[in-house]
Amino acid sequence: MLNKILLIIWFILRPRNYLHFFSLIKRKFLHNHDTVENSKKAFEWAKVNAIPYADALKKLDINGKLVGLDRDTIMEGQKLEAKSTVKMGGSGHIHLLYDCVRLLKVNNVIETGVAYGWSSLAILKALSQNGFGKLYSVDMPYPRKKNENDVGIVVPKNLRKNWILIRKPDNPGIISALNKAGGEIDLCHYDSDKSWWGRYYAYPILWKSLKSKGLFISDDIQDNLYFSEFVRKNLLNFAVVEFEGKFVGLIRKE
């Protein structure tokens, strides 16, 4: 009970998070799609559909040499992460992100969920080497963990000039990011609210904002069935890649 009270106080003191707070309350009265049974079904669906990384990109007509994020950049990021006193999420498939940004020569990128900033680092490094492009990141600090100062800590100063960090939850942070990006994006990396209802809010908005030939990437699609339902309902060309026991979903817009 004390933890719940402290969580409520945390939200009350942060007006920019009110929409997210109210949506969390609302979900308590909605159908629960995030059951253990649905998670098992989602995992099996992802596993059956998973293909090798290189094959996944070819399926989506993303062609070129796959090199991944360089070791020196990763080592520099690890040194910066070591300075953080807060435990946050892992790095995810940073090589996939790096290669997709490089090969597609994207201009406007939105990501949701930053934590240490490993995905941000991969994207920004690729944009820097492309010589153009901006990254708009949406991130709500972990409630009560006091990690505000450590969000994006692995991103070195020399890569931050093309980075706009929006410290809000997905609602209203995604709309803020889209407004700053001019309403259209070339690539999206979704790694924030992994719940079914969280994806229900974010996926359609982000997908609609993608330009033709744009790429949508979502982490942890094995958590629930929303990704599988989204691609089936909309008859979309997708690919699934397994990474460290989890699954990444990719969709290319026709």
C-alpha atoms as a PDB file:
ATOM      1  CA  MET A   1       0.000   0.000   0.000  1.00  0.00           C
ATOM      2  CA  LEU A   2       2.828   2.407   0.867  1.00  0.00           C
ATOM      3  CA  ASN A   3       4.460   1.819  -2.517  1.00  0.00           C
ATOM      4  CA  LYS A   4       1.192   2.611  -4.301  1.00  0.00           C
ATOM      5  CA  ILE A   5       0.790   5.828  -2.310  1.00  0.00           C
ATOM      6  CA  LEU A   6       4.355   6.890  -3.126  1.00  0.00           C
ATOM      7  CA  LEU A   7       3.756   6.116  -6.803  1.00  0.00           C
ATOM      8  CA  ILE A   8       0.608   8.264  -6.830  1.00  0.00           C
ATOM      9  CA  ILE A   9       2.493  11.118  -5.189  1.00  0.00           C
ATOM     10  CA  TRP A  10       5.261  10.767  -7.813  1.00  0.00           C
ATOM     11  CA  PHE A  11       2.720  11.257 -10.607  1.00  0.00           C
ATOM     12  CA  ILE A  12       0.881  14.088  -8.828  1.00  0.00           C
ATOM     13  CA  LEU A  13       4.130  16.064  -8.618  1.00  0.00           C
ATOM     14  CA  ARG A  14       4.695  15.699 -12.381  1.00  0.00           C
ATOM     15  CA  PRO A  15       1.802  17.278 -14.347  1.00  0.00           C
ATOM     16  CA  ARG A  16       3.340  16.347 -17.709  1.00  0.00           C
ATOM     17  CA  ASN A  17       2.683  12.690 -16.839  1.00  0.00           C
ATOM     18  CA  TYR A  18      -0.990  13.111 -15.956  1.00  0.00           C
ATOM     19  CA  LEU A  19      -2.345  11.691 -19.232  1.00  0.00           C
ATOM     20  CA  HIS A  20      -0.261   8.568 -18.768  1.00  0.00           C
ATOM     21  CA  PHE A  21      -1.304   8.281 -15.125  1.00  0.00           C
ATOM     22  CA  PHE A  22      -5.001   8.499 -16.005  1.00  0.00           C
ATOM     23  CA  SER A  23      -4.564   5.946 -18.795  1.00  0.00           C
ATOM     24  CA  LEU A  24      -3.004   3.523 -16.304  1.00  0.00           C
ATOM     25  CA  ILE A  25      -6.009   3.953 -14.034  1.00  0.00           C
ATOM     26  CA  LYS A  26      -8.384   3.447 -16.974  1.00  0.00           C
ATOM     27  CA  ARG A  27      -6.657   0.192 -17.946  1.00  0.00           C
ATOM     28  CA  LYS A  28      -7.622  -1.313 -14.601  1.00  0.00           C
ATOM     29  CA  PHE A  29     -11.212  -1.385 -15.893  1.00  0.00           C
ATOM     30  CA  LEU A  30     -10.406  -2.637 -19.415  1.00  0.00           C
ATOM     31  CA  HIS A  31      -9.925  -6.160 -20.710  1.00  0.00           C
ATOM     32  CA  ASN A  32      -6.551  -7.613 -19.722  1.00  0.00           C
ATOM     33  CA  HIS A  33      -4.700  -8.748 -22.855  1.00  0.00           C
ATOM     34  CA  ASP A  34      -1.404  -9.214 -21.023  1.00  0.00           C
ATOM     35  CA  THR A  35      -2.121 -12.625 -19.553  1.00  0.00           C
ATOM     36  CA  VAL A  36       0.403 -15.431 -19.174  1.00  0.00           C
ATOM     37  CA  GLU A  37      -1.549 -17.446 -21.745  1.00  0.00           C
ATOM     38  CA  ASN A  38      -1.406 -14.645 -24.325  1.00  0.00           C
ATOM     39  CA  SER A  39       2.275 -14.112 -23.625  1.00  0.00           C
ATOM     40  CA  LYS A  40       2.939 -17.788 -24.362  1.00  0.00           C
ATOM     41  CA  LYS A  41       0.945 -17.549 -27.598  1.00  0.00           C
ATOM     42  CA  ALA A  42       2.847 -14.416 -28.621  1.00  0.00           C
ATOM     43  CA  PHE A  43       6.188 -16.080 -27.892  1.00  0.00           C
ATOM     44  CA  GLU A  44       5.285 -19.129 -29.981  1.00  0.00           C
ATOM     45  CA  TRP A  45       4.034 -16.939 -32.842  1.00  0.00           C
ATOM     46  CA  ALA A  46       7.245 -14.915 -32.810  1.00  0.00           C
ATOM     47  CA  LYS A  47       9.397 -18.034 -32.628  1.00  0.00           C
ATOM     48  CA  VAL A  48       7.644 -19.665 -35.585  1.00  0.00           C
ATOM     49  CA  ASN A  49       7.973 -16.499 -37.690  1.00  0.00           C
ATOM     50  CA  ALA A  50      11.566 -15.625 -36.722  1.00  0.00           C
ATOM     51  CA  ILE A  51      14.190 -15.709 -39.463  1.00  0.00           C
ATOM     52  CA  PRO A  52      17.912 -14.812 -39.540  1.00  0.00           C
ATOM     53  CA  TYR A  53      18.737 -11.123 -39.295  1.00  0.00           C
ATOM     54  CA  ALA A  54      20.120 -10.821 -42.847  1.00  0.00           C
ATOM     55  CA  ASP A  55      17.112 -12.658 -44.302  1.00  0.00           C
ATOM     56  CA  ALA A  56      14.723 -10.376 -42.416  1.00  0.00           C
ATOM     57  CA  LEU A  57      16.214  -7.267 -43.985  1.00  0.00           C
ATOM     58  CA  LYS A  58      16.173  -8.827 -47.455  1.00  0.00           C
ATOM     59  CA  LYS A  59      12.507  -9.736 -46.995  1.00  0.00           C
ATOM     60  CA  LEU A  60      11.814  -6.047 -46.372  1.00  0.00           C
ATOM     61  CA  ASP A  61      13.940  -4.974 -49.344  1.00  0.00           C
ATOM     62  CA  ILE A  62      16.691  -3.508 -47.174  1.00  0.00           C
ATOM     63  CA  ASN A  63      19.882  -4.331 -49.030  1.00  0.00           C
ATOM     64  CA  GLY A  64      23.562  -3.714 -48.426  1.00  0.00           C
ATOM     65  CA  LYS A  65      26.464  -4.771 -46.251  1.00  0.00           C
ATOM     66  CA  LEU A  66      25.637  -5.445 -42.588  1.00  0.00           C
ATOM     67  CA  VAL A  67      28.398  -4.185 -40.326  1.00  0.00           C
ATOM     68  CA  GLY A  68      26.740  -3.265 -37.031  1.00  0.00           C
ATOM     69  CA  LEU A  69      27.799  -0.682 -34.489  1.00  0.00           C
ATOM     70  CA  ASP A  70      31.580  -0.530 -34.160  1.00  0.00           C
ATOM     71  CA  ARG A  71      33.373  -1.916 -31.126  1.00  0.00           C
ATOM     72  CA  ASP A  72      35.016   1.393 -30.137  1.00  0.00           C
ATOM     73  CA  THR A  73      31.641   3.139 -29.879  1.00  0.00           C
ATOM     74  CA  ILE A  74      30.259   0.270 -27.820  1.00  0.00           C
ATOM     75  CA  MET A  75      33.234   0.319 -25.449  1.00  0.00           C
ATOM     76  CA  GLU A  76      32.900   4.078 -24.986  1.00  0.00           C
ATOM     77  CA  GLY A  77      29.201   3.585 -24.192  1.00  0.00           C
ATOM     78  CA  GLN A  78      30.020   0.888 -21.643  1.00  0.00           C
ATOM     79  CA  LYS A  79      32.384   3.258 -19.836  1.00  0.00           C
ATOM     80  CA  LEU A  80      29.681   5.926 -19.687  1.00  0.00           C
ATOM     81  CA  GLU A  81      27.062   3.420 -18.491  1.00  0.00           C
ATOM     82  CA  ALA A  82      29.367   2.407 -15.639  1.00  0.00           C
ATOM     83  CA  LYS A  83      28.950   5.913 -14.229  1.00  0.00           C
ATOM     84  CA  SER A  84      25.228   5.383 -13.685  1.00  0.00           C
ATOM     85  CA  THR A  85      24.017   4.408 -10.224  1.00  0.00           C
ATOM     86  CA  VAL A  86      20.580   3.339 -11.473  1.00  0.00           C
ATOM     87  CA  LYS A  87      19.740  -0.052 -12.964  1.00  0.00           C
ATOM     88  CA  MET A  88      17.874   0.271 -16.278  1.00  0.00           C
ATOM     89  CA  GLY A  89      17.084  -1.880 -19.312  1.00  0.00           C
ATOM     90  CA  GLY A  90      19.513  -3.654 -21.619  1.00  0.00           C
ATOM     91  CA  SER A  91      20.926  -2.530 -24.943  1.00  0.00           C
ATOM     92  CA  GLY A  92      18.642  -4.431 -27.329  1.00  0.00           C
ATOM     93  CA  HIS A  93      19.548  -5.174 -30.951  1.00  0.00           C
ATOM     94  CA  ILE A  94      21.723  -2.110 -31.535  1.00  0.00           C
ATOM     95  CA  HIS A  95      23.402  -3.601 -34.618  1.00  0.00           C
ATOM     96  CA  LEU A  96      20.036  -3.964 -36.350  1.00  0.00           C
ATOM     97  CA  LEU A  97      19.169  -0.346 -35.593  1.00  0.00           C
ATOM     98  CA  TYR A  98      22.544   0.902 -36.788  1.00  0.00           C
ATOM     99  CA  ASP A  99      22.419  -1.043 -40.051  1.00  0.00           C
ATOM    100  CA  CYS A 100      18.829  -0.035 -40.853  1.00  0.00           C
ATOM    101  CA  VAL A 101      19.554   3.670 -40.365  1.00  0.00           C
ATOM    102  CA  ARG A 102      22.702   3.439 -42.478  1.00  0.00           C
ATOM    103  CA  LEU A 103      21.212   1.393 -45.306  1.00  0.00           C
ATOM    104  CA  LEU A 104      17.912   3.267 -45.578  1.00  0.00           C
ATOM    105  CA  LYS A 105      19.573   6.710 -45.336  1.00  0.00           C
ATOM    106  CA  VAL A 106      16.761   7.934 -43.094  1.00  0.00           C
ATOM    107  CA  ASN A 107      16.238  11.556 -42.126  1.00  0.00           C
ATOM    108  CA  ASN A 108      13.677  11.773 -39.299  1.00  0.00           C
ATOM    109  CA  VAL A 109      13.683   9.027 -36.662  1.00  0.00           C
ATOM    110  CA  ILE A 110      11.483   8.607 -33.588  1.00  0.00           C
ATOM    111  CA  GLU A 111      12.226   6.205 -30.775  1.00  0.00           C
ATOM    112  CA  THR A 112      10.174   5.582 -27.649  1.00  0.00           C
ATOM    113  CA  GLY A 113      11.990   4.437 -24.531  1.00  0.00           C
ATOM    114  CA  VAL A 114      15.574   5.522 -23.927  1.00  0.00           C
ATOM    115  CA  ALA A 115      16.889   4.245 -20.558  1.00  0.00           C
ATOM    116  CA  TYR A 116      20.713   4.204 -20.798  1.00  0.00           C
ATOM    117  CA  GLY A 117      20.403   5.246 -24.432  1.00  0.00           C
ATOM    118  CA  TRP A 118      21.893   2.289 -26.285  1.00  0.00           C
ATOM    119  CA  SER A 119      19.368   2.433 -29.097  1.00  0.00           C
ATOM    120  CA  SER A 120      19.812   6.208 -29.208  1.00  0.00           C
ATOM    121  CA  LEU A 121      23.566   5.715 -29.506  1.00  0.00           C
ATOM    122  CA  ALA A 122      23.240   3.263 -32.403  1.00  0.00           C
ATOM    123  CA  ILE A 123      20.835   5.519 -34.282  1.00  0.00           C
ATOM    124  CA  LEU A 124      22.799   8.723 -33.675  1.00  0.00           C
ATOM    125  CA  LYS A 125      26.070   7.109 -34.698  1.00  0.00           C
ATOM    126  CA  ALA A 126      24.492   5.958 -37.962  1.00  0.00           C
ATOM    127  CA  LEU A 127      22.949   9.377 -38.601  1.00  0.00           C
ATOM    128  CA  SER A 128      26.325  11.003 -37.958  1.00  0.00           C
ATOM    129  CA  GLN A 129      28.021   8.728 -40.467  1.00  0.00           C
ATOM    130  CA  ASN A 130      25.252   9.315 -42.992  1.00  0.00           C
ATOM    131  CA  GLY A 131      25.905  13.027 -42.582  1.00  0.00           C
ATOM    132  CA  PHE A 132      22.276  14.057 -41.980  1.00  0.00           C
ATOM    133  CA  GLY A 133      19.154  13.296 -39.974  1.00  0.00           C
ATOM    134  CA  LYS A 134      17.680  13.848 -36.512  1.00  0.00           C
ATOM    135  CA  LEU A 135      16.526  11.572 -33.725  1.00  0.00           C
ATOM    136  CA  TYR A 136      13.495  12.455 -31.602  1.00  0.00           C
ATOM    137  CA  SER A 137      13.409  10.332 -28.449  1.00  0.00           C
ATOM    138  CA  VAL A 138      10.429  10.021 -26.108  1.00  0.00           C
ATOM    139  CA  ASP A 139      11.145   8.830 -22.583  1.00  0.00           C
ATOM    140  CA  MET A 140       9.401   8.997 -19.223  1.00  0.00           C
ATOM    141  CA  PRO A 141      11.816   8.558 -16.287  1.00  0.00           C
ATOM    142  CA  TYR A 142      11.248   5.449 -14.176  1.00  0.00           C
ATOM    143  CA  PRO A 143       8.846   6.342 -11.352  1.00  0.00           C
ATOM    144  CA  ARG A 144      10.647   6.835  -8.014  1.00  0.00           C
ATOM    145  CA  LYS A 145      14.021   5.599  -9.316  1.00  0.00           C
ATOM    146  CA  LYS A 146      15.486   9.093  -9.693  1.00  0.00           C
ATOM    147  CA  ASN A 147      17.066   8.187 -13.020  1.00  0.00           C
ATOM    148  CA  GLU A 148      16.353  11.505 -14.781  1.00  0.00           C
ATOM    149  CA  ASN A 149      20.027  12.460 -14.958  1.00  0.00           C
ATOM    150  CA  ASP A 150      21.067   9.036 -16.272  1.00  0.00           C
ATOM    151  CA  VAL A 151      18.635   8.802 -19.201  1.00  0.00           C
ATOM    152  CA  GLY A 152      20.732   8.555 -22.364  1.00  0.00           C
ATOM    153  CA  ILE A 153      23.978   8.445 -20.407  1.00  0.00           C
ATOM    154  CA  VAL A 154      25.800   6.255 -22.980  1.00  0.00           C
ATOM    155  CA  VAL A 155      25.420   8.883 -25.726  1.00  0.00           C
ATOM    156  CA  PRO A 156      28.644  10.951 -25.916  1.00  0.00           C
ATOM    157  CA  LYS A 157      28.457  14.725 -26.257  1.00  0.00           C
ATOM    158  CA  ASN A 158      29.732  14.735 -29.839  1.00  0.00           C
ATOM    159  CA  LEU A 159      26.635  12.795 -31.021  1.00  0.00           C
ATOM    160  CA  ARG A 160      24.012  14.873 -29.202  1.00  0.00           C
ATOM    161  CA  LYS A 161      23.693  17.783 -31.640  1.00  0.00           C
ATOM    162  CA  ASN A 162      21.138  15.902 -33.760  1.00  0.00           C
ATOM    163  CA  TRP A 163      19.209  14.535 -30.789  1.00  0.00           C
ATOM    164  CA  ILE A 164      16.011  15.927 -29.269  1.00  0.00           C
ATOM    165  CA  LEU A 165      15.046  14.190 -26.016  1.00  0.00           C
ATOM    166  CA  ILE A 166      11.419  14.626 -24.984  1.00  0.00           C
ATOM    167  CA  ARG A 167      10.999  13.727 -21.312  1.00  0.00           C
ATOM    168  CA  LYS A 168       7.368  12.689 -21.399  1.00  0.00           C
ATOM    169  CA  PRO A 169       5.420   9.411 -21.457  1.00  0.00           C
ATOM    170  CA  ASP A 170       4.184   8.163 -24.844  1.00  0.00           C
ATOM    171  CA  ASN A 171       0.961  10.070 -24.322  1.00  0.00           C
ATOM    172  CA  PRO A 172       1.561  12.979 -25.040  1.00  0.00           C
ATOM    173  CA  GLY A 173       5.264  12.524 -25.876  1.00  0.00           C
ATOM    174  CA  ILE A 174       4.765  10.819 -29.248  1.00  0.00           C
ATOM    175  CA  ILE A 175       2.583  13.672 -30.520  1.00  0.00           C
ATOM    176  CA  SER A 176       5.181  16.180 -29.308  1.00  0.00           C
ATOM    177  CA  ALA A 177       7.920  14.300 -31.164  1.00  0.00           C
ATOM    178  CA  LEU A 178       5.887  14.130 -34.362  1.00  0.00           C
ATOM    179  CA  ASN A 179       5.178  17.846 -34.220  1.00  0.00           C
ATOM    180  CA  LYS A 180       8.886  18.583 -33.877  1.00  0.00           C
ATOM    181  CA  ALA A 181       9.664  16.198 -36.741  1.00  0.00           C
ATOM    182  CA  GLY A 182       7.176  17.917 -39.045  1.00  0.00           C
ATOM    183  CA  GLY A 183       4.558  15.175 -38.866  1.00  0.00           C
ATOM    184  CA  GLU A 184       6.373  12.544 -40.932  1.00  0.00           C
ATOM    185  CA  ILE A 185       9.171  10.105 -40.112  1.00  0.00           C
ATOM    186  CA  ASP A 186      11.321   7.605 -41.978  1.00  0.00           C
ATOM    187  CA  LEU A 187      11.955   5.152 -39.158  1.00  0.00           C
ATOM    188  CA  CYS A 188      10.441   4.367 -35.781  1.00  0.00           C
ATOM    189  CA  HIS A 189      11.847   2.270 -32.952  1.00  0.00           C
ATOM    190  CA  TYR A 190       9.236   1.360 -30.338  1.00  0.00           C
ATOM    191  CA  ASP A 191      10.706   0.304 -26.999  1.00  0.00           C
ATOM    192  CA  SER A 192       8.547   1.934 -24.326  1.00  0.00           C
ATOM    193  CA  ASP A 193       5.167   0.788 -22.964  1.00  0.00           C
ATOM    194  CA  LYS A 194       5.176  -2.927 -23.851  1.00  0.00           C
ATOM    195  CA  SER A 195       1.625  -3.587 -22.628  1.00  0.00           C
ATOM    196  CA  TRP A 196      -1.112  -4.449 -25.136  1.00  0.00           C
ATOM    197  CA  TRP A 197      -2.933  -1.195 -24.394  1.00  0.00           C
ATOM    198  CA  GLY A 198       0.290   0.778 -24.632  1.00  0.00           C
ATOM    199  CA  ARG A 199       0.892  -0.579 -28.133  1.00  0.00           C
ATOM    200  CA  TYR A 200      -2.797  -0.063 -28.975  1.00  0.00           C
ATOM    201  CA  TYR A 201      -2.282   3.653 -28.368  1.00  0.00           C
ATOM    202  CA  ALA A 202       1.143   4.093 -29.965  1.00  0.00           C
ATOM    203  CA  TYR A 203       1.394   1.760 -32.967  1.00  0.00           C
ATOM    204  CA  PRO A 204      -1.388   3.334 -35.104  1.00  0.00           C
ATOM    205  CA  ILE A 205      -0.110   6.871 -34.529  1.00  0.00           C
ATOM    206  CA  LEU A 206       3.475   5.994 -35.362  1.00  0.00           C
ATOM    207  CA  TRP A 207       2.526   3.813 -38.324  1.00  0.00           C
ATOM    208  CA  LYS A 208       0.368   6.552 -39.843  1.00  0.00           C
ATOM    209  CA  SER A 209       3.268   9.009 -39.527  1.00  0.00           C
ATOM    210  CA  LEU A 210       5.691   6.772 -41.452  1.00  0.00           C
ATOM    211  CA  LYS A 211       6.501   7.807 -45.002  1.00  0.00           C
ATOM    212  CA  SER A 212       6.251   5.349 -47.884  1.00  0.00           C
ATOM    213  CA  LYS A 213       9.108   2.795 -47.562  1.00  0.00           C
ATOM    214  CA  GLY A 214       9.465   3.796 -43.910  1.00  0.00           C
ATOM    215  CA  LEU A 215      10.453   1.179 -41.341  1.00  0.00           C
ATOM    216  CA  PHE A 216       8.722   0.366 -38.050  1.00  0.00           C
ATOM    217  CA  ILE A 217      10.741  -1.590 -35.466  1.00  0.00           C
ATOM    218  CA  SER A 218       9.291  -2.873 -32.198  1.00  0.00           C
ATOM    219  CA  ASP A 219      11.142  -4.631 -29.401  1.00  0.00           C
ATOM    220  CA  ASP A 220       9.794  -7.455 -27.213  1.00  0.00           C
ATOM    221  CA  ILE A 221       6.890  -8.431 -29.435  1.00  0.00           C
ATOM    222  CA  GLN A 222       6.709 -11.713 -27.490  1.00  0.00           C
ATOM    223  CA  ASP A 223       5.175  -9.925 -24.491  1.00  0.00           C
ATOM    224  CA  ASN A 224       1.654  -9.986 -25.941  1.00  0.00           C
ATOM    225  CA  LEU A 225      -0.233 -10.569 -29.192  1.00  0.00           C
ATOM    226  CA  TYR A 226      -0.594  -6.960 -30.324  1.00  0.00           C
ATOM    227  CA  PHE A 227       2.178  -7.002 -32.953  1.00  0.00           C
ATOM    228  CA  SER A 228       0.862 -10.207 -34.537  1.00  0.00           C
ATOM    229  CA  GLU A 229      -2.680  -8.827 -34.530  1.00  0.00           C
ATOM    230  CA  PHE A 230      -1.517  -5.521 -36.030  1.00  0.00           C
ATOM    231  CA  VAL A 231       0.280  -7.070 -39.013  1.00  0.00           C
ATOM    232  CA  ARG A 232      -2.493  -9.598 -39.657  1.00  0.00           C
ATOM    233  CA  LYS A 233      -5.310  -7.052 -39.469  1.00  0.00           C
ATOM    234  CA  ASN A 234      -3.542  -4.599 -41.773  1.00  0.00           C
ATOM    235  CA  LEU A 235      -2.037  -7.216 -44.142  1.00  0.00           C
ATOM    236  CA  LEU A 236       1.474  -5.863 -43.627  1.00  0.00           C
ATOM    237  CA  ASN A 237       4.837  -7.108 -44.864  1.00  0.00           C
ATOM    238  CA  PHE A 238       6.747  -7.956 -41.700  1.00  0.00           C
ATOM    239  CA  ALA A 239       9.762  -9.833 -40.403  1.00  0.00           C
ATOM    240  CA  VAL A 240      10.718 -11.173 -36.980  1.00  0.00           C
ATOM    241  CA  VAL A 241      14.248 -11.468 -35.611  1.00  0.00           C
ATOM    242  CA  GLU A 242      15.261 -13.294 -32.438  1.00  0.00           C
ATOM    243  CA  PHE A 243      17.794 -11.572 -30.206  1.00  0.00           C
ATOM    244  CA  GLU A 244      19.005 -12.898 -26.857  1.00  0.00           C
ATOM    245  CA  GLY A 245      15.857 -14.942 -26.280  1.00  0.00           C
ATOM    246  CA  LYS A 246      13.496 -12.102 -27.188  1.00  0.00           C
ATOM    247  CA  PHE A 247      11.998 -11.016 -30.486  1.00  0.00           C
ATOM    248  CA  VAL A 248      12.107  -7.848 -32.578  1.00  0.00           C
ATOM    249  CA  GLY A 249       9.357  -7.125 -35.101  1.00  0.00           C
ATOM    250  CA  LEU A 250       9.958  -5.120 -38.269  1.00  0.00           C
ATOM    251  CA  ILE A 251       7.386  -3.746 -40.711  1.00  0.00           C
ATOM    252  CA  ARG A 252       8.163  -1.940 -43.966  1.00  0.00           C
ATOM    253  CA  LYS A 253       5.531   0.478 -45.245  1.00  0.00           C
ATOM    254  CA  GLU A 254       4.542  -0.091 -48.869  1.00  0.00           C
END
